[in-house]
mmCIF file of all heavy atoms, coordinates in Angstrom:
data_MODEL
# 
_entry.id   MODEL 
# 
loop_
_atom_site.group_PDB 
_atom_site.id 
_atom_site.type_symbol 
_atom_site.label_atom_id 
_atom_site.label_alt_id 
_atom_site.label_comp_id 
_atom_site.label_asym_id 
_atom_site.label_entity_id 
_atom_site.label_seq_id 
_atom_site.pdbx_PDB_ins_code 
_atom_site.Cartn_x 
_atom_site.Cartn_y 
_atom_site.Cartn_z 
_atom_site.occupancy 
_atom_site.B_iso_or_equiv 
_atom_site.pdbx_formal_charge 
_atom_site.auth_seq_id 
_atom_site.auth_comp_id 
_atom_site.auth_asym_id 
_atom_site.auth_atom_id 
_atom_site.pdbx_PDB_model_num 
ATOM 1   N N   . LEU A 1 1  ? 4.436   74.923 19.949 1.00 0.00 ? 1  LEU A N   1 
ATOM 2   C CA  . LEU A 1 1  ? 5.193   73.767 19.489 1.00 0.00 ? 1  LEU A CA  1 
ATOM 3   C C   . LEU A 1 1  ? 5.734   72.936 20.649 1.00 0.00 ? 1  LEU A C   1 
ATOM 4   O O   . LEU A 1 1  ? 6.225   71.835 20.459 1.00 0.00 ? 1  LEU A O   1 
ATOM 5   C CB  . LEU A 1 1  ? 6.352   74.211 18.593 1.00 0.00 ? 1  LEU A CB  1 
ATOM 6   C CG  . LEU A 1 1  ? 5.959   75.013 17.346 1.00 0.00 ? 1  LEU A CG  1 
ATOM 7   C CD1 . LEU A 1 1  ? 7.191   75.428 16.570 1.00 0.00 ? 1  LEU A CD1 1 
ATOM 8   C CD2 . LEU A 1 1  ? 5.014   74.215 16.455 1.00 0.00 ? 1  LEU A CD2 1 
ATOM 9   N N   . ASP A 1 2  ? 5.679   73.492 21.841 1.00 0.00 ? 2  ASP A N   1 
ATOM 10  C CA  . ASP A 1 2  ? 6.101   72.794 23.055 1.00 0.00 ? 2  ASP A CA  1 
ATOM 11  C C   . ASP A 1 2  ? 5.204   73.260 24.187 1.00 0.00 ? 2  ASP A C   1 
ATOM 12  O O   . ASP A 1 2  ? 4.469   74.251 24.049 1.00 0.00 ? 2  ASP A O   1 
ATOM 13  C CB  . ASP A 1 2  ? 7.578   73.116 23.366 1.00 0.00 ? 2  ASP A CB  1 
ATOM 14  C CG  . ASP A 1 2  ? 8.227   72.079 24.275 1.00 0.00 ? 2  ASP A CG  1 
ATOM 15  O OD1 . ASP A 1 2  ? 7.503   71.201 24.801 1.00 0.00 ? 2  ASP A OD1 1 
ATOM 16  O OD2 . ASP A 1 2  ? 9.454   72.152 24.464 1.00 0.00 ? 2  ASP A OD2 1 
ATOM 17  N N   . ARG A 1 3  ? 5.238   72.542 25.296 1.00 0.00 ? 3  ARG A N   1 
ATOM 18  C CA  . ARG A 1 3  ? 4.392   72.892 26.434 1.00 0.00 ? 3  ARG A CA  1 
ATOM 19  C C   . ARG A 1 3  ? 5.244   73.179 27.662 1.00 0.00 ? 3  ARG A C   1 
ATOM 20  O O   . ARG A 1 3  ? 6.256   72.522 27.890 1.00 0.00 ? 3  ARG A O   1 
ATOM 21  C CB  . ARG A 1 3  ? 3.425   71.749 26.753 1.00 0.00 ? 3  ARG A CB  1 
ATOM 22  C CG  . ARG A 1 3  ? 2.372   71.523 25.671 1.00 0.00 ? 3  ARG A CG  1 
ATOM 23  C CD  . ARG A 1 3  ? 1.370   70.483 26.124 1.00 0.00 ? 3  ARG A CD  1 
ATOM 24  N NE  . ARG A 1 3  ? 0.321   70.290 25.137 1.00 0.00 ? 3  ARG A NE  1 
ATOM 25  C CZ  . ARG A 1 3  ? -0.730  69.488 25.310 1.00 0.00 ? 3  ARG A CZ  1 
ATOM 26  N NH1 . ARG A 1 3  ? -0.842  68.803 26.453 1.00 0.00 ? 3  ARG A NH1 1 
ATOM 27  N NH2 . ARG A 1 3  ? -1.650  69.376 24.370 1.00 0.00 ? 3  ARG A NH2 1 
ATOM 28  N N   . PRO A 1 4  ? 4.816   74.155 28.454 1.00 0.00 ? 4  PRO A N   1 
ATOM 29  C CA  . PRO A 1 4  ? 5.545   74.418 29.697 1.00 0.00 ? 4  PRO A CA  1 
ATOM 30  C C   . PRO A 1 4  ? 5.209   73.371 30.749 1.00 0.00 ? 4  PRO A C   1 
ATOM 31  O O   . PRO A 1 4  ? 4.166   72.712 30.679 1.00 0.00 ? 4  PRO A O   1 
ATOM 32  C CB  . PRO A 1 4  ? 5.032   75.799 30.101 1.00 0.00 ? 4  PRO A CB  1 
ATOM 33  C CG  . PRO A 1 4  ? 3.637   75.855 29.552 1.00 0.00 ? 4  PRO A CG  1 
ATOM 34  C CD  . PRO A 1 4  ? 3.688   75.071 28.256 1.00 0.00 ? 4  PRO A CD  1 
ATOM 35  N N   . ASP A 1 5  ? 6.081   73.217 31.721 1.00 0.00 ? 5  ASP A N   1 
ATOM 36  C CA  . ASP A 1 5  ? 5.770   72.357 32.868 1.00 0.00 ? 5  ASP A CA  1 
ATOM 37  C C   . ASP A 1 5  ? 4.672   72.982 33.717 1.00 0.00 ? 5  ASP A C   1 
ATOM 38  O O   . ASP A 1 5  ? 3.818   72.282 34.273 1.00 0.00 ? 5  ASP A O   1 
ATOM 39  C CB  . ASP A 1 5  ? 7.013   72.139 33.730 1.00 0.00 ? 5  ASP A CB  1 
ATOM 40  C CG  . ASP A 1 5  ? 8.128   71.443 32.984 1.00 0.00 ? 5  ASP A CG  1 
ATOM 41  O OD1 . ASP A 1 5  ? 7.833   70.790 31.964 1.00 0.00 ? 5  ASP A OD1 1 
ATOM 42  O OD2 . ASP A 1 5  ? 9.295   71.546 33.398 1.00 0.00 ? 5  ASP A OD2 1 
ATOM 43  N N   . SER A 1 6  ? 4.704   74.299 33.829 1.00 0.00 ? 6  SER A N   1 
ATOM 44  C CA  . SER A 1 6  ? 3.692   75.025 34.592 1.00 0.00 ? 6  SER A CA  1 
ATOM 45  C C   . SER A 1 6  ? 3.641   76.451 34.074 1.00 0.00 ? 6  SER A C   1 
ATOM 46  O O   . SER A 1 6  ? 4.466   76.882 33.276 1.00 0.00 ? 6  SER A O   1 
ATOM 47  C CB  . SER A 1 6  ? 4.016   74.997 36.090 1.00 0.00 ? 6  SER A CB  1 
ATOM 48  O OG  . SER A 1 6  ? 5.279   75.586 36.343 1.00 0.00 ? 6  SER A OG  1 
ATOM 49  N N   . GLY A 1 7  ? 2.650   77.202 34.575 1.00 0.00 ? 7  GLY A N   1 
ATOM 50  C CA  . GLY A 1 7  ? 2.444   78.545 34.078 1.00 0.00 ? 7  GLY A CA  1 
ATOM 51  C C   . GLY A 1 7  ? 1.468   78.546 32.923 1.00 0.00 ? 7  GLY A C   1 
ATOM 52  O O   . GLY A 1 7  ? 1.021   77.487 32.458 1.00 0.00 ? 7  GLY A O   1 
ATOM 53  N N   . GLU A 1 8  ? 1.136   79.722 32.424 1.00 0.00 ? 8  GLU A N   1 
ATOM 54  C CA  . GLU A 1 8  ? 0.168   79.807 31.336 1.00 0.00 ? 8  GLU A CA  1 
ATOM 55  C C   . GLU A 1 8  ? 0.469   80.971 30.404 1.00 0.00 ? 8  GLU A C   1 
ATOM 56  O O   . GLU A 1 8  ? 1.171   81.907 30.770 1.00 0.00 ? 8  GLU A O   1 
ATOM 57  C CB  . GLU A 1 8  ? -1.255  79.929 31.884 1.00 0.00 ? 8  GLU A CB  1 
ATOM 58  C CG  . GLU A 1 8  ? -1.488  81.148 32.764 1.00 0.00 ? 8  GLU A CG  1 
ATOM 59  C CD  . GLU A 1 8  ? -2.898  81.216 33.291 1.00 0.00 ? 8  GLU A CD  1 
ATOM 60  O OE1 . GLU A 1 8  ? -3.806  80.607 32.668 1.00 0.00 ? 8  GLU A OE1 1 
ATOM 61  O OE2 . GLU A 1 8  ? -3.124  81.867 34.331 1.00 0.00 ? 8  GLU A OE2 1 
ATOM 62  N N   . ILE A 1 9  ? -0.093  80.859 29.204 1.00 0.00 ? 9  ILE A N   1 
ATOM 63  C CA  . ILE A 1 9  ? 0.015   81.910 28.196 1.00 0.00 ? 9  ILE A CA  1 
ATOM 64  C C   . ILE A 1 9  ? -1.407  82.320 27.843 1.00 0.00 ? 9  ILE A C   1 
ATOM 65  O O   . ILE A 1 9  ? -2.200  81.500 27.385 1.00 0.00 ? 9  ILE A O   1 
ATOM 66  C CB  . ILE A 1 9  ? 0.779   81.431 26.955 1.00 0.00 ? 9  ILE A CB  1 
ATOM 67  C CG1 . ILE A 1 9  ? 2.181   80.973 27.353 1.00 0.00 ? 9  ILE A CG1 1 
ATOM 68  C CG2 . ILE A 1 9  ? 0.856   82.538 25.919 1.00 0.00 ? 9  ILE A CG2 1 
ATOM 69  C CD1 . ILE A 1 9  ? 2.944   80.305 26.240 1.00 0.00 ? 9  ILE A CD1 1 
ATOM 70  N N   . ILE A 1 10 ? -1.715  83.581 28.044 1.00 0.00 ? 10 ILE A N   1 
ATOM 71  C CA  . ILE A 1 10 ? -3.056  84.100 27.841 1.00 0.00 ? 10 ILE A CA  1 
ATOM 72  C C   . ILE A 1 10 ? -3.080  84.996 26.600 1.00 0.00 ? 10 ILE A C   1 
ATOM 73  O O   . ILE A 1 10 ? -2.167  85.793 26.385 1.00 0.00 ? 10 ILE A O   1 
ATOM 74  C CB  . ILE A 1 10 ? -3.509  84.913 29.077 1.00 0.00 ? 10 ILE A CB  1 
ATOM 75  C CG1 . ILE A 1 10 ? -3.444  84.046 30.331 1.00 0.00 ? 10 ILE A CG1 1 
ATOM 76  C CG2 . ILE A 1 10 ? -4.901  85.488 28.877 1.00 0.00 ? 10 ILE A CG2 1 
ATOM 77  C CD1 . ILE A 1 10 ? -3.597  84.834 31.619 1.00 0.00 ? 10 ILE A CD1 1 
ATOM 78  N N   . GLY A 1 11 ? -4.123  84.845 25.780 1.00 0.00 ? 11 GLY A N   1 
ATOM 79  C CA  . GLY A 1 11 ? -4.309  85.751 24.651 1.00 0.00 ? 11 GLY A CA  1 
ATOM 80  C C   . GLY A 1 11 ? -4.100  85.135 23.290 1.00 0.00 ? 11 GLY A C   1 
ATOM 81  O O   . GLY A 1 11 ? -4.349  85.775 22.262 1.00 0.00 ? 11 GLY A O   1 
ATOM 82  N N   . LEU A 1 12 ? -3.611  83.883 23.250 1.00 0.00 ? 12 LEU A N   1 
ATOM 83  C CA  . LEU A 1 12 ? -3.368  83.226 21.967 1.00 0.00 ? 12 LEU A CA  1 
ATOM 84  C C   . LEU A 1 12 ? -4.466  82.226 21.600 1.00 0.00 ? 12 LEU A C   1 
ATOM 85  O O   . LEU A 1 12 ? -4.412  81.634 20.524 1.00 0.00 ? 12 LEU A O   1 
ATOM 86  C CB  . LEU A 1 12 ? -2.015  82.497 21.988 1.00 0.00 ? 12 LEU A CB  1 
ATOM 87  C CG  . LEU A 1 12 ? -0.774  83.370 21.838 1.00 0.00 ? 12 LEU A CG  1 
ATOM 88  C CD1 . LEU A 1 12 ? 0.483   82.540 22.033 1.00 0.00 ? 12 LEU A CD1 1 
ATOM 89  C CD2 . LEU A 1 12 ? -0.735  84.051 20.479 1.00 0.00 ? 12 LEU A CD2 1 
ATOM 90  N N   . GLU A 1 13 ? -5.452  82.076 22.474 1.00 0.00 ? 13 GLU A N   1 
ATOM 91  C CA  . GLU A 1 13 ? -6.450  81.029 22.279 1.00 0.00 ? 13 GLU A CA  1 
ATOM 92  C C   . GLU A 1 13 ? -7.182  81.143 20.944 1.00 0.00 ? 13 GLU A C   1 
ATOM 93  O O   . GLU A 1 13 ? -7.426  80.131 20.277 1.00 0.00 ? 13 GLU A O   1 
ATOM 94  C CB  . GLU A 1 13 ? -7.486  81.063 23.419 1.00 0.00 ? 13 GLU A CB  1 
ATOM 95  C CG  . GLU A 1 13 ? -6.904  80.874 24.811 1.00 0.00 ? 13 GLU A CG  1 
ATOM 96  C CD  . GLU A 1 13 ? -6.373  82.170 25.415 1.00 0.00 ? 13 GLU A CD  1 
ATOM 97  O OE1 . GLU A 1 13 ? -6.479  83.221 24.758 1.00 0.00 ? 13 GLU A OE1 1 
ATOM 98  O OE2 . GLU A 1 13 ? -5.847  82.125 26.548 1.00 0.00 ? 13 GLU A OE2 1 
ATOM 99  N N   . ASN A 1 14 ? -7.485  82.369 20.523 1.00 0.00 ? 14 ASN A N   1 
ATOM 100 C CA  . ASN A 1 14 ? -8.314  82.569 19.334 1.00 0.00 ? 14 ASN A CA  1 
ATOM 101 C C   . ASN A 1 14 ? -7.528  82.966 18.093 1.00 0.00 ? 14 ASN A C   1 
ATOM 102 O O   . ASN A 1 14 ? -8.139  83.217 17.041 1.00 0.00 ? 14 ASN A O   1 
ATOM 103 C CB  . ASN A 1 14 ? -9.382  83.633 19.628 1.00 0.00 ? 14 ASN A CB  1 
ATOM 104 C CG  . ASN A 1 14 ? -10.303 83.220 20.765 1.00 0.00 ? 14 ASN A CG  1 
ATOM 105 O OD1 . ASN A 1 14 ? -10.707 82.061 20.868 1.00 0.00 ? 14 ASN A OD1 1 
ATOM 106 N ND2 . ASN A 1 14 ? -10.642 84.172 21.623 1.00 0.00 ? 14 ASN A ND2 1 
ATOM 107 N N   . ILE A 1 15 ? -6.200  83.049 18.193 1.00 0.00 ? 15 ILE A N   1 
ATOM 108 C CA  . ILE A 1 15 ? -5.427  83.485 17.018 1.00 0.00 ? 15 ILE A CA  1 
ATOM 109 C C   . ILE A 1 15 ? -4.322  82.489 16.653 1.00 0.00 ? 15 ILE A C   1 
ATOM 110 O O   . ILE A 1 15 ? -3.364  82.849 15.970 1.00 0.00 ? 15 ILE A O   1 
ATOM 111 C CB  . ILE A 1 15 ? -4.821  84.890 17.231 1.00 0.00 ? 15 ILE A CB  1 
ATOM 112 C CG1 . ILE A 1 15 ? -3.825  84.890 18.411 1.00 0.00 ? 15 ILE A CG1 1 
ATOM 113 C CG2 . ILE A 1 15 ? -5.888  85.934 17.416 1.00 0.00 ? 15 ILE A CG2 1 
ATOM 114 C CD1 . ILE A 1 15 ? -2.977  86.152 18.473 1.00 0.00 ? 15 ILE A CD1 1 
ATOM 115 N N   . ARG A 1 16 ? -4.450  81.229 17.100 1.00 0.00 ? 16 ARG A N   1 
ATOM 116 C CA  . ARG A 1 16 ? -3.419  80.247 16.791 1.00 0.00 ? 16 ARG A CA  1 
ATOM 117 C C   . ARG A 1 16 ? -3.200  80.106 15.281 1.00 0.00 ? 16 ARG A C   1 
ATOM 118 O O   . ARG A 1 16 ? -2.080  79.879 14.819 1.00 0.00 ? 16 ARG A O   1 
ATOM 119 C CB  . ARG A 1 16 ? -3.792  78.883 17.381 1.00 0.00 ? 16 ARG A CB  1 
ATOM 120 C CG  . ARG A 1 16 ? -3.557  78.761 18.881 1.00 0.00 ? 16 ARG A CG  1 
ATOM 121 C CD  . ARG A 1 16 ? -2.088  78.810 19.235 1.00 0.00 ? 16 ARG A CD  1 
ATOM 122 N NE  . ARG A 1 16 ? -1.847  78.663 20.668 1.00 0.00 ? 16 ARG A NE  1 
ATOM 123 C CZ  . ARG A 1 16 ? -0.687  78.868 21.248 1.00 0.00 ? 16 ARG A CZ  1 
ATOM 124 N NH1 . ARG A 1 16 ? 0.342   79.265 20.526 1.00 0.00 ? 16 ARG A NH1 1 
ATOM 125 N NH2 . ARG A 1 16 ? -0.543  78.709 22.553 1.00 0.00 ? 16 ARG A NH2 1 
ATOM 126 N N   . SER A 1 17 ? -4.266  80.229 14.512 1.00 0.00 ? 17 SER A N   1 
ATOM 127 C CA  . SER A 1 17 ? -4.147  80.096 13.053 1.00 0.00 ? 17 SER A CA  1 
ATOM 128 C C   . SER A 1 17 ? -3.592  81.362 12.410 1.00 0.00 ? 17 SER A C   1 
ATOM 129 O O   . SER A 1 17 ? -3.364  81.394 11.202 1.00 0.00 ? 17 SER A O   1 
ATOM 130 C CB  . SER A 1 17 ? -5.511  79.768 12.440 1.00 0.00 ? 17 SER A CB  1 
ATOM 131 O OG  . SER A 1 17 ? -6.425  80.835 12.669 1.00 0.00 ? 17 SER A OG  1 
ATOM 132 N N   . GLN A 1 18 ? -3.371  82.407 13.210 1.00 0.00 ? 18 GLN A N   1 
ATOM 133 C CA  . GLN A 1 18 ? -2.855  83.668 12.680 1.00 0.00 ? 18 GLN A CA  1 
ATOM 134 C C   . GLN A 1 18 ? -1.505  84.014 13.286 1.00 0.00 ? 18 GLN A C   1 
ATOM 135 O O   . GLN A 1 18 ? -1.172  85.178 13.474 1.00 0.00 ? 18 GLN A O   1 
ATOM 136 C CB  . GLN A 1 18 ? -3.868  84.786 12.949 1.00 0.00 ? 18 GLN A CB  1 
ATOM 137 C CG  . GLN A 1 18 ? -5.172  84.607 12.189 1.00 0.00 ? 18 GLN A CG  1 
ATOM 138 C CD  . GLN A 1 18 ? -6.218  85.610 12.634 1.00 0.00 ? 18 GLN A CD  1 
ATOM 139 O OE1 . GLN A 1 18 ? -6.762  85.528 13.726 1.00 0.00 ? 18 GLN A OE1 1 
ATOM 140 N NE2 . GLN A 1 18 ? -6.491  86.575 11.781 1.00 0.00 ? 18 GLN A NE2 1 
ATOM 141 N N   . VAL A 1 19 ? -0.741  82.956 13.604 1.00 0.00 ? 19 VAL A N   1 
ATOM 142 C CA  . VAL A 1 19 ? 0.612   83.124 14.117 1.00 0.00 ? 19 VAL A CA  1 
ATOM 143 C C   . VAL A 1 19 ? 1.609   82.753 13.018 1.00 0.00 ? 19 VAL A C   1 
ATOM 144 O O   . VAL A 1 19 ? 1.586   81.633 12.505 1.00 0.00 ? 19 VAL A O   1 
ATOM 145 C CB  . VAL A 1 19 ? 0.859   82.249 15.360 1.00 0.00 ? 19 VAL A CB  1 
ATOM 146 C CG1 . VAL A 1 19 ? 2.307   82.378 15.825 1.00 0.00 ? 19 VAL A CG1 1 
ATOM 147 C CG2 . VAL A 1 19 ? -0.093  82.627 16.491 1.00 0.00 ? 19 VAL A CG2 1 
ATOM 148 N N   . GLY A 1 20 ? 2.438   83.687 12.628 1.00 0.00 ? 20 GLY A N   1 
ATOM 149 C CA  . GLY A 1 20 ? 3.509   83.421 11.670 1.00 0.00 ? 20 GLY A CA  1 
ATOM 150 C C   . GLY A 1 20 ? 4.808   83.166 12.406 1.00 0.00 ? 20 GLY A C   1 
ATOM 151 O O   . GLY A 1 20 ? 5.103   83.834 13.393 1.00 0.00 ? 20 GLY A O   1 
ATOM 152 N N   . TYR A 1 21 ? 5.579   82.177 11.922 1.00 0.00 ? 21 TYR A N   1 
ATOM 153 C CA  . TYR A 1 21 ? 6.814   81.790 12.619 1.00 0.00 ? 21 TYR A CA  1 
ATOM 154 C C   . TYR A 1 21 ? 7.934   81.664 11.583 1.00 0.00 ? 21 TYR A C   1 
ATOM 155 O O   . TYR A 1 21 ? 7.831   80.876 10.644 1.00 0.00 ? 21 TYR A O   1 
ATOM 156 C CB  . TYR A 1 21 ? 6.594   80.459 13.337 1.00 0.00 ? 21 TYR A CB  1 
ATOM 157 C CG  . TYR A 1 21 ? 7.621   80.106 14.413 1.00 0.00 ? 21 TYR A CG  1 
ATOM 158 C CD1 . TYR A 1 21 ? 7.271   79.291 15.481 1.00 0.00 ? 21 TYR A CD1 1 
ATOM 159 C CD2 . TYR A 1 21 ? 8.931   80.555 14.362 1.00 0.00 ? 21 TYR A CD2 1 
ATOM 160 C CE1 . TYR A 1 21 ? 8.185   78.946 16.484 1.00 0.00 ? 21 TYR A CE1 1 
ATOM 161 C CE2 . TYR A 1 21 ? 9.851   80.226 15.339 1.00 0.00 ? 21 TYR A CE2 1 
ATOM 162 C CZ  . TYR A 1 21 ? 9.472   79.421 16.394 1.00 0.00 ? 21 TYR A CZ  1 
ATOM 163 O OH  . TYR A 1 21 ? 10.392  79.093 17.362 1.00 0.00 ? 21 TYR A OH  1 
ATOM 164 N N   . VAL A 1 22 ? 8.999   82.432 11.775 1.00 0.00 ? 22 VAL A N   1 
ATOM 165 C CA  . VAL A 1 22 ? 10.209  82.318 10.953 1.00 0.00 ? 22 VAL A CA  1 
ATOM 166 C C   . VAL A 1 22 ? 11.260  81.637 11.808 1.00 0.00 ? 22 VAL A C   1 
ATOM 167 O O   . VAL A 1 22 ? 11.741  82.204 12.788 1.00 0.00 ? 22 VAL A O   1 
ATOM 168 C CB  . VAL A 1 22 ? 10.697  83.687 10.459 1.00 0.00 ? 22 VAL A CB  1 
ATOM 169 C CG1 . VAL A 1 22 ? 11.959  83.520 9.602  1.00 0.00 ? 22 VAL A CG1 1 
ATOM 170 C CG2 . VAL A 1 22 ? 9.614   84.396 9.669  1.00 0.00 ? 22 VAL A CG2 1 
ATOM 171 N N   . PHE A 1 23 ? 11.608  80.402 11.438 1.00 0.00 ? 23 PHE A N   1 
ATOM 172 C CA  . PHE A 1 23 ? 12.514  79.592 12.258 1.00 0.00 ? 23 PHE A CA  1 
ATOM 173 C C   . PHE A 1 23 ? 13.963  80.039 12.083 1.00 0.00 ? 23 PHE A C   1 
ATOM 174 O O   . PHE A 1 23 ? 14.353  80.581 11.045 1.00 0.00 ? 23 PHE A O   1 
ATOM 175 C CB  . PHE A 1 23 ? 12.388  78.114 11.887 1.00 0.00 ? 23 PHE A CB  1 
ATOM 176 C CG  . PHE A 1 23 ? 11.058  77.516 12.232 1.00 0.00 ? 23 PHE A CG  1 
ATOM 177 C CD1 . PHE A 1 23 ? 9.996   77.586 11.348 1.00 0.00 ? 23 PHE A CD1 1 
ATOM 178 C CD2 . PHE A 1 23 ? 10.860  76.883 13.455 1.00 0.00 ? 23 PHE A CD2 1 
ATOM 179 C CE1 . PHE A 1 23 ? 8.764   77.036 11.657 1.00 0.00 ? 23 PHE A CE1 1 
ATOM 180 C CE2 . PHE A 1 23 ? 9.640   76.327 13.784 1.00 0.00 ? 23 PHE A CE2 1 
ATOM 181 C CZ  . PHE A 1 23 ? 8.582   76.414 12.881 1.00 0.00 ? 23 PHE A CZ  1 
ATOM 182 N N   . GLN A 1 24 ? 14.758  79.746 13.098 1.00 0.00 ? 24 GLN A N   1 
ATOM 183 C CA  . GLN A 1 24 ? 16.180  80.062 13.039 1.00 0.00 ? 24 GLN A CA  1 
ATOM 184 C C   . GLN A 1 24 ? 16.855  79.313 11.889 1.00 0.00 ? 24 GLN A C   1 
ATOM 185 O O   . GLN A 1 24 ? 17.610  79.894 11.116 1.00 0.00 ? 24 GLN A O   1 
ATOM 186 C CB  . GLN A 1 24 ? 16.845  79.702 14.368 1.00 0.00 ? 24 GLN A CB  1 
ATOM 187 C CG  . GLN A 1 24 ? 18.307  80.090 14.450 1.00 0.00 ? 24 GLN A CG  1 
ATOM 188 C CD  . GLN A 1 24 ? 18.900  79.739 15.806 1.00 0.00 ? 24 GLN A CD  1 
ATOM 189 O OE1 . GLN A 1 24 ? 18.642  78.690 16.359 1.00 0.00 ? 24 GLN A OE1 1 
ATOM 190 N NE2 . GLN A 1 24 ? 19.698  80.638 16.352 1.00 0.00 ? 24 GLN A NE2 1 
ATOM 191 N N   . ASP A 1 25 ? 16.581  78.024 11.777 1.00 0.00 ? 25 ASP A N   1 
ATOM 192 C CA  . ASP A 1 25 ? 17.123  77.228 10.677 1.00 0.00 ? 25 ASP A CA  1 
ATOM 193 C C   . ASP A 1 25 ? 16.112  77.263 9.532  1.00 0.00 ? 25 ASP A C   1 
ATOM 194 O O   . ASP A 1 25 ? 15.394  76.306 9.275  1.00 0.00 ? 25 ASP A O   1 
ATOM 195 C CB  . ASP A 1 25 ? 17.380  75.789 11.134 1.00 0.00 ? 25 ASP A CB  1 
ATOM 196 C CG  . ASP A 1 25 ? 18.229  75.010 10.140 1.00 0.00 ? 25 ASP A CG  1 
ATOM 197 O OD1 . ASP A 1 25 ? 18.467  75.522 9.030  1.00 0.00 ? 25 ASP A OD1 1 
ATOM 198 O OD2 . ASP A 1 25 ? 18.643  73.881 10.470 1.00 0.00 ? 25 ASP A OD2 1 
ATOM 199 N N   . TYR A 1 26 ? 16.056  78.408 8.856  1.00 0.00 ? 26 TYR A N   1 
ATOM 200 C CA  . TYR A 1 26 ? 14.993  78.648 7.886  1.00 0.00 ? 26 TYR A CA  1 
ATOM 201 C C   . TYR A 1 26 ? 15.068  77.704 6.683  1.00 0.00 ? 26 TYR A C   1 
ATOM 202 O O   . TYR A 1 26 ? 14.049  77.328 6.120  1.00 0.00 ? 26 TYR A O   1 
ATOM 203 C CB  . TYR A 1 26 ? 15.002  80.097 7.420  1.00 0.00 ? 26 TYR A CB  1 
ATOM 204 C CG  . TYR A 1 26 ? 16.343  80.589 6.903  1.00 0.00 ? 26 TYR A CG  1 
ATOM 205 C CD1 . TYR A 1 26 ? 16.692  80.453 5.578  1.00 0.00 ? 26 TYR A CD1 1 
ATOM 206 C CD2 . TYR A 1 26 ? 17.260  81.185 7.769  1.00 0.00 ? 26 TYR A CD2 1 
ATOM 207 C CE1 . TYR A 1 26 ? 17.917  80.894 5.115  1.00 0.00 ? 26 TYR A CE1 1 
ATOM 208 C CE2 . TYR A 1 26 ? 18.483  81.629 7.316  1.00 0.00 ? 26 TYR A CE2 1 
ATOM 209 C CZ  . TYR A 1 26 ? 18.815  81.491 5.988  1.00 0.00 ? 26 TYR A CZ  1 
ATOM 210 O OH  . TYR A 1 26 ? 20.033  81.918 5.542  1.00 0.00 ? 26 TYR A OH  1 
# 
């Protein structure tokens, strides 16, 4: 939902559609 200025996140490339998110302000 946001992007870092630098650095990377590895391992989510193929499962973006399988990420569940429960927000703080539900």
